[in-house]
């Protein structure tokens, strides 16, 4: 094989790999932004924002082991108080139009009349539909205090 042909092929592979990495980072940023928008919607009790972000089939397995659907999560938001949410240790994995975000969130909140302040490890599953990310599933577990 001609040396110039091999160099040309290698350059194409490197360019494709580089653009794929840029695209992946862009999607990571989109999903991290979606996480922040979700947290802001809970803090501001933005029901329209929650309606947009949460998929119709949304399911939440919360730290108390209770499963909530979209309607229950929105009702809890109307009656609860989330004062703040901060994220750390965020990691994003992509599988086509499915994105999985894992990490930690620390919140100050009163939910269902109980203090829900603390740190939780979570896994969120998003699906891209009609050009936007929707949360279909979340699961969180309390991190034990040391």
C-alpha atoms as a PDB file:
ATOM      1  CA  UNK A   1       0.000   0.000   0.000  1.00  0.00           C
ATOM      2  CA  UNK A   2       1.225   3.489  -0.776  1.00  0.00           C
ATOM      3  CA  UNK A   3       2.637   5.402   2.232  1.00  0.00           C
ATOM      4  CA  UNK A   4       0.663   8.523   1.333  1.00  0.00           C
ATOM      5  CA  UNK A   5      -2.548   6.513   1.216  1.00  0.00           C
ATOM      6  CA  UNK A   6      -1.880   5.079   4.689  1.00  0.00           C
ATOM      7  CA  UNK A   7      -1.125   8.553   6.080  1.00  0.00           C
ATOM      8  CA  UNK A   8      -4.310   9.870   4.494  1.00  0.00           C
ATOM      9  CA  UNK A   9      -6.380   7.073   6.029  1.00  0.00           C
ATOM     10  CA  UNK A  10      -4.799   7.614   9.457  1.00  0.00           C
ATOM     11  CA  UNK A  11      -5.494  11.355   9.263  1.00  0.00           C
ATOM     12  CA  UNK A  12      -9.146  10.590   8.490  1.00  0.00           C
ATOM     13  CA  UNK A  13      -9.405   8.237  11.476  1.00  0.00           C
ATOM     14  CA  UNK A  14      -7.814  10.810  13.801  1.00  0.00           C
ATOM     15  CA  UNK A  15     -10.120  13.573  12.519  1.00  0.00           C
ATOM     16  CA  UNK A  16     -13.199  11.358  12.946  1.00  0.00           C
ATOM     17  CA  UNK A  17     -12.140  10.315  16.446  1.00  0.00           C
ATOM     18  CA  UNK A  18     -11.478  13.935  17.407  1.00  0.00           C
ATOM     19  CA  UNK A  19     -14.862  15.131  16.164  1.00  0.00           C
ATOM     20  CA  UNK A  20     -16.589  12.230  17.941  1.00  0.00           C
ATOM     21  CA  UNK A  21     -14.910  13.255  21.201  1.00  0.00           C
ATOM     22  CA  UNK A  22     -16.031  16.864  20.721  1.00  0.00           C
ATOM     23  CA  UNK A  23     -19.602  15.691  20.043  1.00  0.00           C
ATOM     24  CA  UNK A  24     -19.517  13.446  23.124  1.00  0.00           C
ATOM     25  CA  UNK A  25     -18.334  16.345  25.319  1.00  0.00           C
ATOM     26  CA  UNK A  26     -21.120  18.522  23.910  1.00  0.00           C
ATOM     27  CA  UNK A  27     -23.732  15.896  24.833  1.00  0.00           C
ATOM     28  CA  UNK A  28     -22.178  15.522  28.292  1.00  0.00           C
ATOM     29  CA  UNK A  29     -22.620  19.267  28.792  1.00  0.00           C
ATOM     30  CA  UNK A  30     -26.239  19.075  27.572  1.00  0.00           C
ATOM     31  CA  UNK A  31     -27.026  16.379  30.150  1.00  0.00           C
ATOM     32  CA  UNK A  32     -25.261  18.190  32.973  1.00  0.00           C
ATOM     33  CA  UNK A  33     -27.260  21.293  32.012  1.00  0.00           C
ATOM     34  CA  UNK A  34     -30.459  19.176  32.089  1.00  0.00           C
ATOM     35  CA  UNK A  35     -29.550  18.037  35.634  1.00  0.00           C
ATOM     36  CA  UNK A  36     -29.122  21.653  36.740  1.00  0.00           C
ATOM     37  CA  UNK A  37     -32.380  22.696  35.060  1.00  0.00           C
ATOM     38  CA  UNK A  38     -34.148  19.864  36.869  1.00  0.00           C
ATOM     39  CA  UNK A  39     -32.704  20.938  40.234  1.00  0.00           C
ATOM     40  CA  UNK A  40     -33.698  24.564  39.527  1.00  0.00           C
ATOM     41  CA  UNK A  41     -37.241  23.449  38.644  1.00  0.00           C
ATOM     42  CA  UNK A  42     -37.542  21.683  42.014  1.00  0.00           C
ATOM     43  CA  UNK A  43     -36.130  24.698  43.886  1.00  0.00           C
ATOM     44  CA  UNK A  44     -38.382  27.202  42.075  1.00  0.00           C
ATOM     45  CA  UNK A  45     -41.394  24.848  42.075  1.00  0.00           C
ATOM     46  CA  UNK A  46     -41.450  25.294  38.311  1.00  0.00           C
ATOM     47  CA  UNK A  47     -44.210  22.856  37.394  1.00  0.00           C
ATOM     48  CA  UNK A  48     -44.041  23.685  33.664  1.00  0.00           C
ATOM     49  CA  UNK A  49     -40.294  22.984  33.734  1.00  0.00           C
ATOM     50  CA  UNK A  50     -40.875  19.649  35.461  1.00  0.00           C
ATOM     51  CA  UNK A  51     -43.611  18.745  32.967  1.00  0.00           C
ATOM     52  CA  UNK A  52     -41.108  19.380  30.157  1.00  0.00           C
ATOM     53  CA  UNK A  53     -38.104  17.581  31.691  1.00  0.00           C
ATOM     54  CA  UNK A  54     -39.855  14.543  33.216  1.00  0.00           C
ATOM     55  CA  UNK A  55     -41.007  11.944  30.669  1.00  0.00           C
ATOM     56  CA  UNK A  56     -44.590  10.690  30.879  1.00  0.00           C
ATOM     57  CA  UNK A  57     -43.307   7.271  32.003  1.00  0.00           C
ATOM     58  CA  UNK A  58     -40.931   8.830  34.581  1.00  0.00           C
ATOM     59  CA  UNK A  59     -40.244   6.724  37.671  1.00  0.00           C
ATOM     60  CA  UNK A  60     -38.312   7.766  40.779  1.00  0.00           C
ATOM     61  CA  UNK A  61     -36.951   5.206  43.230  1.00  0.00           C
ATOM     62  CA  UNK A  62     -36.204   7.564  46.102  1.00  0.00           C
ATOM     63  CA  UNK A  63     -33.855   7.096  49.090  1.00  0.00           C
ATOM     64  CA  UNK A  64     -36.783   5.848  51.219  1.00  0.00           C
ATOM     65  CA  UNK A  65     -37.396   3.025  48.742  1.00  0.00           C
ATOM     66  CA  UNK A  66     -40.625   4.575  47.506  1.00  0.00           C
ATOM     67  CA  UNK A  67     -41.390   4.608  43.788  1.00  0.00           C
ATOM     68  CA  UNK A  68     -42.969   7.799  42.465  1.00  0.00           C
ATOM     69  CA  UNK A  69     -44.385   8.471  39.049  1.00  0.00           C
ATOM     70  CA  UNK A  70     -44.385  11.859  37.335  1.00  0.00           C
ATOM     71  CA  UNK A  71     -47.627  13.035  38.934  1.00  0.00           C
ATOM     72  CA  UNK A  72     -46.418  12.098  42.431  1.00  0.00           C
ATOM     73  CA  UNK A  73     -43.071  13.836  41.935  1.00  0.00           C
ATOM     74  CA  UNK A  74     -44.816  17.003  40.793  1.00  0.00           C
ATOM     75  CA  UNK A  75     -47.304  16.861  43.694  1.00  0.00           C
ATOM     76  CA  UNK A  76     -44.398  16.476  46.143  1.00  0.00           C
ATOM     77  CA  UNK A  77     -42.737  19.513  44.564  1.00  0.00           C
ATOM     78  CA  UNK A  78     -45.889  21.596  45.045  1.00  0.00           C
ATOM     79  CA  UNK A  79     -46.060  20.744  48.757  1.00  0.00           C
ATOM     80  CA  UNK A  80     -42.341  20.519  49.554  1.00  0.00           C
ATOM     81  CA  UNK A  81     -39.497  22.953  49.868  1.00  0.00           C
ATOM     82  CA  UNK A  82     -36.155  22.411  48.164  1.00  0.00           C
ATOM     83  CA  UNK A  83     -33.807  25.200  49.189  1.00  0.00           C
ATOM     84  CA  UNK A  84     -30.642  24.123  47.406  1.00  0.00           C
ATOM     85  CA  UNK A  85     -29.083  21.332  45.355  1.00  0.00           C
ATOM     86  CA  UNK A  86     -25.397  20.932  44.548  1.00  0.00           C
ATOM     87  CA  UNK A  87     -23.795  18.241  42.402  1.00  0.00           C
ATOM     88  CA  UNK A  88     -20.422  16.525  42.533  1.00  0.00           C
ATOM     89  CA  UNK A  89     -18.666  13.523  41.010  1.00  0.00           C
ATOM     90  CA  UNK A  90     -20.821  13.715  37.842  1.00  0.00           C
ATOM     91  CA  UNK A  91     -20.167  11.138  35.148  1.00  0.00           C
ATOM     92  CA  UNK A  92     -22.034  10.807  31.847  1.00  0.00           C
ATOM     93  CA  UNK A  93     -22.303   7.723  29.629  1.00  0.00           C
ATOM     94  CA  UNK A  94     -23.940   7.711  26.227  1.00  0.00           C
ATOM     95  CA  UNK A  95     -25.740   4.898  24.411  1.00  0.00           C
ATOM     96  CA  UNK A  96     -27.205   6.455  21.281  1.00  0.00           C
ATOM     97  CA  UNK A  97     -30.214   8.534  22.331  1.00  0.00           C
ATOM     98  CA  UNK A  98     -29.901   7.337  25.944  1.00  0.00           C
ATOM     99  CA  UNK A  99     -27.730   9.168  28.434  1.00  0.00           C
ATOM    100  CA  UNK A 100     -26.956   7.989  31.949  1.00  0.00           C
ATOM    101  CA  UNK A 101     -25.749  10.484  34.537  1.00  0.00           C
ATOM    102  CA  UNK A 102     -24.341   9.307  37.852  1.00  0.00           C
ATOM    103  CA  UNK A 103     -22.991  11.289  40.752  1.00  0.00           C
ATOM    104  CA  UNK A 104     -23.754  12.826  44.099  1.00  0.00           C
ATOM    105  CA  UNK A 105     -26.212  15.552  44.995  1.00  0.00           C
ATOM    106  CA  UNK A 106     -26.495  17.367  48.282  1.00  0.00           C
ATOM    107  CA  UNK A 107     -29.791  19.046  49.031  1.00  0.00           C
ATOM    108  CA  UNK A 108     -31.418  21.108  51.722  1.00  0.00           C
ATOM    109  CA  UNK A 109     -35.089  20.200  51.588  1.00  0.00           C
ATOM    110  CA  UNK A 110     -38.344  19.413  53.370  1.00  0.00           C
ATOM    111  CA  UNK A 111     -40.361  16.806  51.447  1.00  0.00           C
ATOM    112  CA  UNK A 112     -43.612  15.174  52.558  1.00  0.00           C
ATOM    113  CA  UNK A 113     -43.243  17.007  55.867  1.00  0.00           C
ATOM    114  CA  UNK A 114     -39.854  15.408  56.594  1.00  0.00           C
ATOM    115  CA  UNK A 115     -36.355  16.830  56.553  1.00  0.00           C
ATOM    116  CA  UNK A 116     -34.759  15.471  53.372  1.00  0.00           C
ATOM    117  CA  UNK A 117     -31.479  17.338  53.798  1.00  0.00           C
ATOM    118  CA  UNK A 118     -28.434  15.246  52.981  1.00  0.00           C
ATOM    119  CA  UNK A 119     -26.247  13.740  50.313  1.00  0.00           C
ATOM    120  CA  UNK A 120     -27.434  11.053  47.913  1.00  0.00           C
ATOM    121  CA  UNK A 121     -25.725   9.018  45.210  1.00  0.00           C
ATOM    122  CA  UNK A 122     -27.911   8.913  42.107  1.00  0.00           C
ATOM    123  CA  UNK A 123     -28.347   7.402  38.665  1.00  0.00           C
ATOM    124  CA  UNK A 124     -30.494   9.296  36.142  1.00  0.00           C
ATOM    125  CA  UNK A 125     -31.533   7.886  32.772  1.00  0.00           C
ATOM    126  CA  UNK A 126     -32.369  10.389  30.031  1.00  0.00           C
ATOM    127  CA  UNK A 127     -33.770   9.746  26.553  1.00  0.00           C
ATOM    128  CA  UNK A 128     -33.475  12.254  23.733  1.00  0.00           C
ATOM    129  CA  UNK A 129     -36.859  12.879  22.143  1.00  0.00           C
ATOM    130  CA  UNK A 130     -37.757  15.545  19.592  1.00  0.00           C
ATOM    131  CA  UNK A 131     -34.373  17.194  20.106  1.00  0.00           C
ATOM    132  CA  UNK A 132     -34.510  17.462  23.906  1.00  0.00           C
ATOM    133  CA  UNK A 133     -33.497  15.295  26.847  1.00  0.00           C
ATOM    134  CA  UNK A 134     -36.203  13.868  29.107  1.00  0.00           C
ATOM    135  CA  UNK A 135     -35.647  12.083  32.401  1.00  0.00           C
ATOM    136  CA  UNK A 136     -37.287   8.641  32.339  1.00  0.00           C
ATOM    137  CA  UNK A 137     -35.841   7.151  35.506  1.00  0.00           C
ATOM    138  CA  UNK A 138     -33.954   8.177  38.620  1.00  0.00           C
ATOM    139  CA  UNK A 139     -32.726   6.194  41.575  1.00  0.00           C
ATOM    140  CA  UNK A 140     -30.984   7.651  44.611  1.00  0.00           C
ATOM    141  CA  UNK A 141     -29.477   6.260  47.787  1.00  0.00           C
ATOM    142  CA  UNK A 142     -28.530   8.193  50.918  1.00  0.00           C
ATOM    143  CA  UNK A 143     -24.840   8.455  51.611  1.00  0.00           C
ATOM    144  CA  UNK A 144     -24.143   7.512  55.209  1.00  0.00           C
ATOM    145  CA  UNK A 145     -22.792  10.323  57.376  1.00  0.00           C
ATOM    146  CA  UNK A 146     -19.282   9.683  58.625  1.00  0.00           C
END
